[in-house]
């Protein structure tokens, strides 16, 4: 893709970058109201059956994912035209999802600016090693990486770590406004939990909020994972890295069934989002459908996305993801090549 084509592609996003207040307000209503209604129904169902409660919690978790997408748009100033309105709603939805608005906004902005750049990994992304980095790493690093990349850890313990530990502390070098926003979020979460403790008791609160956060957290990590970890992905060193290529080739089009697409706020059109973060989530599908060059981007489905679970390392030589099992083959090839060079 030439530089001119990349510029033209970014320009084609301009008509979709302006949020519509009416659409934003309607999305806010049809997301937040059902979530609180489901929370109330889950509480009422505790006296009937916890199986029923769990089912309701699972549905509520889907709506919490949708609330997070609104929070996510606010961080990009793409949900409302007014920046202050984005900050206020972003802070409120951040409290509901346990994400400090200013802190996450910073990390996520870095992620967008460095996505698929091998020389700028480490902020707002998933820990990724190349094959050469892994093979030359110390044993403890290899063990830690294997532990981190285990699906039960990444999608089970990962959300717990993010909610309870990572998001609760300010990053090093954070500015005062960002620090204050984190403190406000933490205080609000404690206050919210205190209200529930005094009104319905901590047992009921945990029986409802626990599953909602675990399920929504696992779904959130999974979505982020498959949107950048797929067979035909794109990674380059800084000197060869290109923003548009990283967006349309390094971010997937996760083609989901319509109900799941709705619950996840169209974030499956991740290539469009990375191409232009200012496009509101409710315009991502339209931008994809009306932009011809985007019809041939990497596409994954529910079934094919499961293949991503075996992708653990990036093979720089072959430009593709590989699993730990593929390392034995590489070691044999390296060994034979070394023998030949010695001969």
Protein backbone atom coordinates (compact mmCIF):
# COMPACT_ATOMS: atom_id res chain seq x y z
CA UNK A 1 0.00 0.00 0.00
CA UNK A 2 1.58 3.26 -1.17
CA UNK A 3 1.77 6.34 1.06
CA UNK A 4 -0.82 8.08 -1.09
CA UNK A 5 -3.26 5.17 -0.75
CA UNK A 6 -2.73 5.20 3.00
CA UNK A 7 -3.47 8.93 3.16
CA UNK A 8 -6.58 8.48 1.03
CA UNK A 9 -7.80 5.65 3.25
CA UNK A 10 -7.49 7.80 6.36
CA UNK A 11 -9.31 10.64 4.61
CA UNK A 12 -12.20 8.31 3.80
CA UNK A 13 -12.83 7.97 7.54
CA UNK A 14 -13.51 11.70 7.99
CA UNK A 15 -17.30 11.55 7.29
CA UNK A 16 -17.76 9.01 10.10
CA UNK A 17 -15.69 10.77 12.78
CA UNK A 18 -18.35 13.15 14.06
CA UNK A 19 -20.48 11.72 16.91
CA UNK A 20 -24.25 12.15 16.86
CA UNK A 21 -25.57 13.26 20.27
CA UNK A 22 -28.96 11.60 19.72
CA UNK A 23 -27.36 8.25 18.83
CA UNK A 24 -24.93 8.51 21.73
CA UNK A 25 -27.70 9.22 24.24
CA UNK A 26 -29.81 6.36 22.91
CA UNK A 27 -26.88 3.97 23.22
CA UNK A 28 -26.27 5.16 26.76
CA UNK A 29 -29.93 4.52 27.66
CA UNK A 30 -30.20 1.09 26.00
CA UNK A 31 -26.99 -0.02 27.70
CA UNK A 32 -26.93 1.38 31.24
CA UNK A 33 -30.64 1.00 32.03
CA UNK A 34 -30.78 -2.73 31.10
CA UNK A 35 -27.56 -3.33 33.07
CA UNK A 36 -29.01 -1.93 36.30
CA UNK A 37 -32.31 -3.70 35.67
CA UNK A 38 -30.49 -7.03 35.23
CA UNK A 39 -28.49 -6.33 38.41
CA UNK A 40 -31.74 -5.82 40.33
CA UNK A 41 -33.28 -8.98 38.84
CA UNK A 42 -30.16 -10.94 39.78
CA UNK A 43 -30.56 -9.77 43.38
CA UNK A 44 -34.24 -10.72 43.44
CA UNK A 45 -33.45 -14.14 41.95
CA UNK A 46 -31.10 -15.03 44.84
CA UNK A 47 -34.14 -16.17 46.81
CA UNK A 48 -35.23 -18.40 43.93
CA UNK A 49 -32.16 -20.15 42.50
CA UNK A 50 -28.50 -19.24 42.16
CA UNK A 51 -28.47 -20.95 38.76
CA UNK A 52 -31.00 -18.36 37.61
CA UNK A 53 -28.94 -15.63 39.27
CA UNK A 54 -25.82 -16.76 37.42
CA UNK A 55 -27.62 -16.75 34.08
CA UNK A 56 -28.85 -13.20 34.68
CA UNK A 57 -25.33 -12.19 35.77
CA UNK A 58 -23.92 -13.62 32.53
CA UNK A 59 -26.29 -11.47 30.49
CA UNK A 60 -25.50 -8.44 32.66
CA UNK A 61 -21.80 -9.07 31.99
CA UNK A 62 -22.48 -8.60 28.29
CA UNK A 63 -24.02 -5.21 29.02
CA UNK A 64 -21.03 -4.29 31.18
CA UNK A 65 -18.80 -5.00 28.17
CA UNK A 66 -21.01 -2.61 26.21
CA UNK A 67 -20.63 -0.01 28.99
CA UNK A 68 -16.88 -0.42 28.69
CA UNK A 69 -17.09 0.31 24.95
CA UNK A 70 -18.83 3.61 25.81
CA UNK A 71 -16.04 4.30 28.32
CA UNK A 72 -13.54 3.41 25.59
CA UNK A 73 -15.13 5.88 23.14
CA UNK A 74 -15.07 8.60 25.80
CA UNK A 75 -11.32 8.03 26.18
CA UNK A 76 -10.97 8.79 22.46
CA UNK A 77 -13.31 11.82 22.72
CA UNK A 78 -15.51 10.08 20.15
CA UNK A 79 -18.73 9.51 22.10
CA UNK A 80 -19.69 13.18 22.45
CA UNK A 81 -18.46 16.22 20.54
CA UNK A 82 -17.79 18.05 23.82
CA UNK A 83 -14.53 16.98 25.50
CA UNK A 84 -15.76 17.72 29.02
CA UNK A 85 -18.85 15.57 28.44
CA UNK A 86 -16.57 12.72 27.38
CA UNK A 87 -14.44 13.14 30.50
CA UNK A 88 -17.44 13.19 32.85
CA UNK A 89 -19.17 10.18 31.30
CA UNK A 90 -15.82 8.42 30.91
CA UNK A 91 -15.11 8.82 34.63
CA UNK A 92 -18.59 7.54 35.59
CA UNK A 93 -18.46 4.52 33.27
CA UNK A 94 -14.87 3.99 34.45
CA UNK A 95 -16.16 3.65 38.01
CA UNK A 96 -18.76 1.11 36.86
CA UNK A 97 -16.11 -0.92 35.04
CA UNK A 98 -13.30 -0.34 37.60
CA UNK A 99 -11.10 1.50 35.07
CA UNK A 100 -9.61 4.93 35.99
CA UNK A 101 -10.45 7.16 33.04
CA UNK A 102 -7.29 9.29 32.75
CA UNK A 103 -4.87 6.46 33.47
CA UNK A 104 -6.43 4.09 30.94
CA UNK A 105 -6.77 6.88 28.38
CA UNK A 106 -3.01 7.46 28.52
CA UNK A 107 -2.07 3.77 28.19
CA UNK A 108 -4.59 3.18 25.43
CA UNK A 109 -3.37 6.19 23.45
CA UNK A 110 0.14 4.73 23.61
CA UNK A 111 -1.27 1.41 22.42
CA UNK A 112 -2.80 3.07 19.35
CA UNK A 113 0.42 4.91 18.55
CA UNK A 114 2.61 1.81 18.87
CA UNK A 115 0.36 -1.16 17.98
CA UNK A 116 2.29 -3.83 16.01
CA UNK A 117 5.57 -1.93 16.51
CA UNK A 118 8.12 -4.46 17.79
CA UNK A 119 10.42 -1.74 19.13
CA UNK A 120 7.72 0.00 21.18
CA UNK A 121 6.02 -2.80 23.07
CA UNK A 122 5.06 -2.70 26.72
CA UNK A 123 2.32 -0.11 27.28
CA UNK A 124 -1.37 -0.89 26.86
CA UNK A 125 -0.72 -4.20 25.12
CA UNK A 126 -0.36 -7.92 25.79
CA UNK A 127 3.12 -9.21 26.63
CA UNK A 128 4.58 -10.56 23.40
CA UNK A 129 8.01 -12.06 22.71
CA UNK A 130 9.53 -12.91 19.37
CA UNK A 131 10.94 -16.38 18.77
CA UNK A 132 14.54 -15.11 19.04
CA UNK A 133 13.79 -13.19 22.23
CA UNK A 134 12.19 -16.22 23.83
CA UNK A 135 14.95 -18.65 22.83
CA UNK A 136 17.66 -16.36 24.21
CA UNK A 137 15.74 -15.44 27.39
CA UNK A 138 16.73 -16.72 30.87
CA UNK A 139 14.83 -19.73 32.22
CA UNK A 140 12.82 -17.65 34.71
CA UNK A 141 11.66 -15.30 31.93
CA UNK A 142 10.59 -18.26 29.81
CA UNK A 143 8.63 -19.77 32.70
CA UNK A 144 6.99 -16.42 33.50
CA UNK A 145 6.06 -15.94 29.84
CA UNK A 146 4.58 -19.43 29.56
CA UNK A 147 2.60 -18.83 32.75
CA UNK A 148 1.36 -15.45 31.47
CA UNK A 149 0.37 -16.92 28.10
CA UNK A 150 -1.58 -19.82 29.61
CA UNK A 151 -5.26 -19.30 28.65
CA UNK A 152 -6.45 -20.00 32.22
CA UNK A 153 -4.11 -17.31 33.52
CA UNK A 154 -4.69 -14.77 30.74
CA UNK A 155 -8.47 -15.02 30.67
CA UNK A 156 -9.06 -16.13 34.27
CA UNK A 157 -6.51 -14.56 36.61
CA UNK A 158 -5.80 -11.72 34.17
CA UNK A 159 -9.08 -9.84 34.71
CA UNK A 160 -8.77 -10.23 38.50
CA UNK A 161 -5.27 -8.73 38.40
CA UNK A 162 -6.42 -5.86 36.17
CA UNK A 163 -9.49 -5.00 38.28
CA UNK A 164 -8.04 -5.40 41.77
CA UNK A 165 -4.37 -4.49 41.38
CA UNK A 166 -3.20 -2.87 38.14
CA UNK A 167 -6.00 -0.30 37.82
CA UNK A 168 -5.85 0.72 41.46
CA UNK A 169 -2.40 2.32 41.27
CA UNK A 170 -1.08 5.27 39.30
CA UNK A 171 1.63 4.71 36.74
CA UNK A 172 5.08 6.15 37.33
CA UNK A 173 5.31 9.72 36.10
CA UNK A 174 1.55 10.30 36.02
CA UNK A 175 0.46 13.93 36.16
CA UNK A 176 -1.57 15.33 39.05
CA UNK A 177 -4.90 15.31 37.13
CA UNK A 178 -4.41 11.67 36.23
CA UNK A 179 -3.51 10.75 39.80
CA UNK A 180 -6.54 12.57 41.18
CA UNK A 181 -8.81 10.80 38.69
CA UNK A 182 -7.46 7.42 39.86
CA UNK A 183 -8.05 8.38 43.50
CA UNK A 184 -11.58 9.55 42.67
CA UNK A 185 -12.31 6.27 40.90
CA UNK A 186 -10.98 4.16 43.77
CA UNK A 187 -12.86 6.16 46.41
CA UNK A 188 -16.08 5.93 44.39
CA UNK A 189 -15.71 2.15 44.01
CA UNK A 190 -15.21 1.75 47.77
CA UNK A 191 -18.20 4.00 48.45
CA UNK A 192 -20.35 2.05 45.98
CA UNK A 193 -19.34 -1.25 47.58
CA UNK A 194 -20.07 0.24 51.02
CA UNK A 195 -23.60 1.20 49.97
CA UNK A 196 -24.28 -2.34 48.75
CA UNK A 197 -22.79 -3.78 51.95
CA UNK A 198 -25.13 -1.69 54.09
CA UNK A 199 -28.23 -2.35 51.94
CA UNK A 200 -28.01 -5.96 50.69
CA UNK A 201 -24.98 -7.39 52.52
CA UNK A 202 -21.55 -8.36 51.24
CA UNK A 203 -22.59 -11.97 50.42
CA UNK A 204 -25.30 -10.89 48.01
CA UNK A 205 -23.05 -8.23 46.53
CA UNK A 206 -20.23 -10.68 45.82
CA UNK A 207 -22.57 -13.39 44.51
CA UNK A 208 -23.82 -10.94 41.88
CA UNK A 209 -20.92 -8.59 41.18
CA UNK A 210 -18.30 -11.36 41.25
CA UNK A 211 -19.62 -13.33 38.23
CA UNK A 212 -20.44 -10.14 36.34
CA UNK A 213 -16.87 -8.88 36.62
CA UNK A 214 -15.22 -12.24 35.99
CA UNK A 215 -17.28 -12.93 32.87
CA UNK A 216 -17.09 -9.40 31.46
CA UNK A 217 -13.38 -9.22 32.29
CA UNK A 218 -12.64 -12.51 30.54
CA UNK A 219 -14.65 -11.40 27.51
CA UNK A 220 -12.82 -8.07 27.44
CA UNK A 221 -9.37 -9.66 27.56
CA UNK A 222 -10.42 -12.18 24.90
CA UNK A 223 -11.65 -9.43 22.57
CA UNK A 224 -8.44 -7.46 22.95
CA UNK A 225 -6.38 -10.62 22.47
CA UNK A 226 -7.99 -11.86 19.23
CA UNK A 227 -8.08 -8.37 17.73
CA UNK A 228 -4.28 -8.38 17.55
CA UNK A 229 -3.37 -12.06 17.74
CA UNK A 230 -4.43 -13.81 14.55
CA UNK A 231 -2.79 -15.77 11.77
CA UNK A 232 -2.29 -13.01 9.18
CA UNK A 233 -1.29 -10.27 11.61
CA UNK A 234 1.27 -7.51 11.10
CA UNK A 235 4.33 -6.68 13.21
CA UNK A 236 7.36 -4.67 12.15
CA UNK A 237 10.38 -3.00 13.67
CA UNK A 238 10.13 0.76 14.06
CA UNK A 239 12.02 1.65 10.86
CA UNK A 240 9.57 -0.38 8.73
CA UNK A 241 6.41 0.21 10.78
CA UNK A 242 3.51 2.06 9.15
CA UNK A 243 0.44 3.33 11.03
CA UNK A 244 -2.17 2.48 8.39
CA UNK A 245 -0.76 -0.98 7.76
CA UNK A 246 -0.71 -1.62 11.50
CA UNK A 247 -4.39 -0.59 11.62
CA UNK A 248 -5.79 -2.56 8.69
CA UNK A 249 -3.41 -5.54 8.76
CA UNK A 250 -2.46 -5.72 12.44
CA UNK A 251 -6.04 -5.30 13.75
CA UNK A 252 -8.66 -7.88 12.87
CA UNK A 253 -12.21 -7.69 11.65
CA UNK A 254 -13.87 -9.98 14.20
CA UNK A 255 -17.07 -10.95 12.40
CA UNK A 256 -19.52 -11.78 15.18
CA UNK A 257 -23.20 -12.77 15.13
CA UNK A 258 -25.38 -9.66 15.30
CA UNK A 259 -26.43 -10.04 18.98
CA UNK A 260 -22.79 -10.36 20.07
CA UNK A 261 -21.77 -7.54 17.74
CA UNK A 262 -24.36 -5.34 19.45
CA UNK A 263 -23.29 -6.31 22.99
CA UNK A 264 -19.63 -5.68 22.18
CA UNK A 265 -20.36 -2.26 20.70
CA UNK A 266 -19.11 -3.12 17.18
CA UNK A 267 -15.55 -3.37 18.50
CA UNK A 268 -15.07 -6.33 16.17
CA UNK A 269 -14.52 -3.72 13.46
CA UNK A 270 -11.20 -3.15 15.15
CA UNK A 271 -9.35 -2.32 11.94
CA UNK A 272 -11.66 0.67 11.44
CA UNK A 273 -11.19 1.75 15.03
CA UNK A 274 -7.40 1.68 14.76
CA UNK A 275 -7.51 3.44 11.41
CA UNK A 276 -9.52 6.25 13.00
CA UNK A 277 -10.13 6.18 16.79
CA UNK A 278 -12.42 9.21 16.45
CA UNK A 279 -15.14 7.13 14.75
CA UNK A 280 -17.89 6.40 17.35
CA UNK A 281 -18.53 2.70 17.91
CA UNK A 282 -22.01 2.95 16.38
CA UNK A 283 -20.51 4.16 13.09
CA UNK A 284 -17.76 1.54 12.76
CA UNK A 285 -19.85 -0.91 10.75
CA UNK A 286 -21.00 1.77 8.31
CA UNK A 287 -17.42 2.97 7.83
CA UNK A 288 -16.34 -0.60 7.09
CA UNK A 289 -19.18 -1.30 4.65
CA UNK A 290 -18.79 1.97 2.75
CA UNK A 291 -15.00 1.84 2.37
CA UNK A 292 -13.95 -0.50 -0.46
CA UNK A 293 -10.28 -1.04 0.58
CA UNK A 294 -11.48 -2.36 3.96
CA UNK A 295 -13.38 -5.25 2.39
CA UNK A 296 -10.20 -7.34 2.16
CA UNK A 297 -8.83 -6.91 5.67
CA UNK A 298 -7.99 -9.96 7.84
CA UNK A 299 -11.30 -11.47 8.96
CA UNK A 300 -11.87 -13.93 11.79
CA UNK A 301 -15.03 -15.58 13.08
CA UNK A 302 -16.02 -17.17 16.37
CA UNK A 303 -14.73 -20.57 15.20
CA UNK A 304 -11.52 -19.38 13.53
CA UNK A 305 -10.69 -17.06 16.43
CA UNK A 306 -10.16 -20.11 18.65
CA UNK A 307 -7.03 -20.90 16.62
CA UNK A 308 -5.48 -17.80 18.19
CA UNK A 309 -5.11 -19.69 21.47
CA UNK A 310 -2.13 -21.59 20.06
CA UNK A 311 -0.32 -18.42 18.94
CA UNK A 312 2.29 -17.60 21.57
CA UNK A 313 5.32 -16.06 19.83
CA UNK A 314 5.98 -13.83 16.82
CA UNK A 315 8.27 -15.34 14.20
CA UNK A 316 10.08 -12.35 12.65
CA UNK A 317 11.64 -14.41 9.88
CA UNK A 318 8.37 -15.85 8.57
CA UNK A 319 6.14 -12.94 9.67
CA UNK A 320 3.61 -15.06 11.52
CA UNK A 321 2.56 -16.28 14.96
CA UNK A 322 3.79 -19.66 16.15
CA UNK A 323 3.23 -21.85 19.18
CA UNK A 324 5.69 -23.23 21.70
CA UNK A 325 5.55 -26.60 19.92
CA UNK A 326 6.99 -25.00 16.78
CA UNK A 327 10.20 -24.15 18.65
CA UNK A 328 11.48 -27.74 18.52
CA UNK A 329 11.41 -27.61 14.72
CA UNK A 330 13.25 -24.30 14.73
CA UNK A 331 15.91 -25.65 17.10
CA UNK A 332 16.52 -28.62 14.78
CA UNK A 333 16.87 -26.30 11.77
CA UNK A 334 19.28 -24.07 13.68
CA UNK A 335 21.30 -27.09 14.74
CA UNK A 336 21.59 -28.45 11.21
CA UNK A 337 22.51 -24.99 9.88
CA UNK A 338 25.25 -24.67 12.53
CA UNK A 339 26.68 -28.09 11.64
CA UNK A 340 26.76 -27.19 7.94
CA UNK A 341 28.54 -23.89 8.66
CA UNK A 342 31.15 -25.71 10.76
CA UNK A 343 31.75 -28.21 7.97
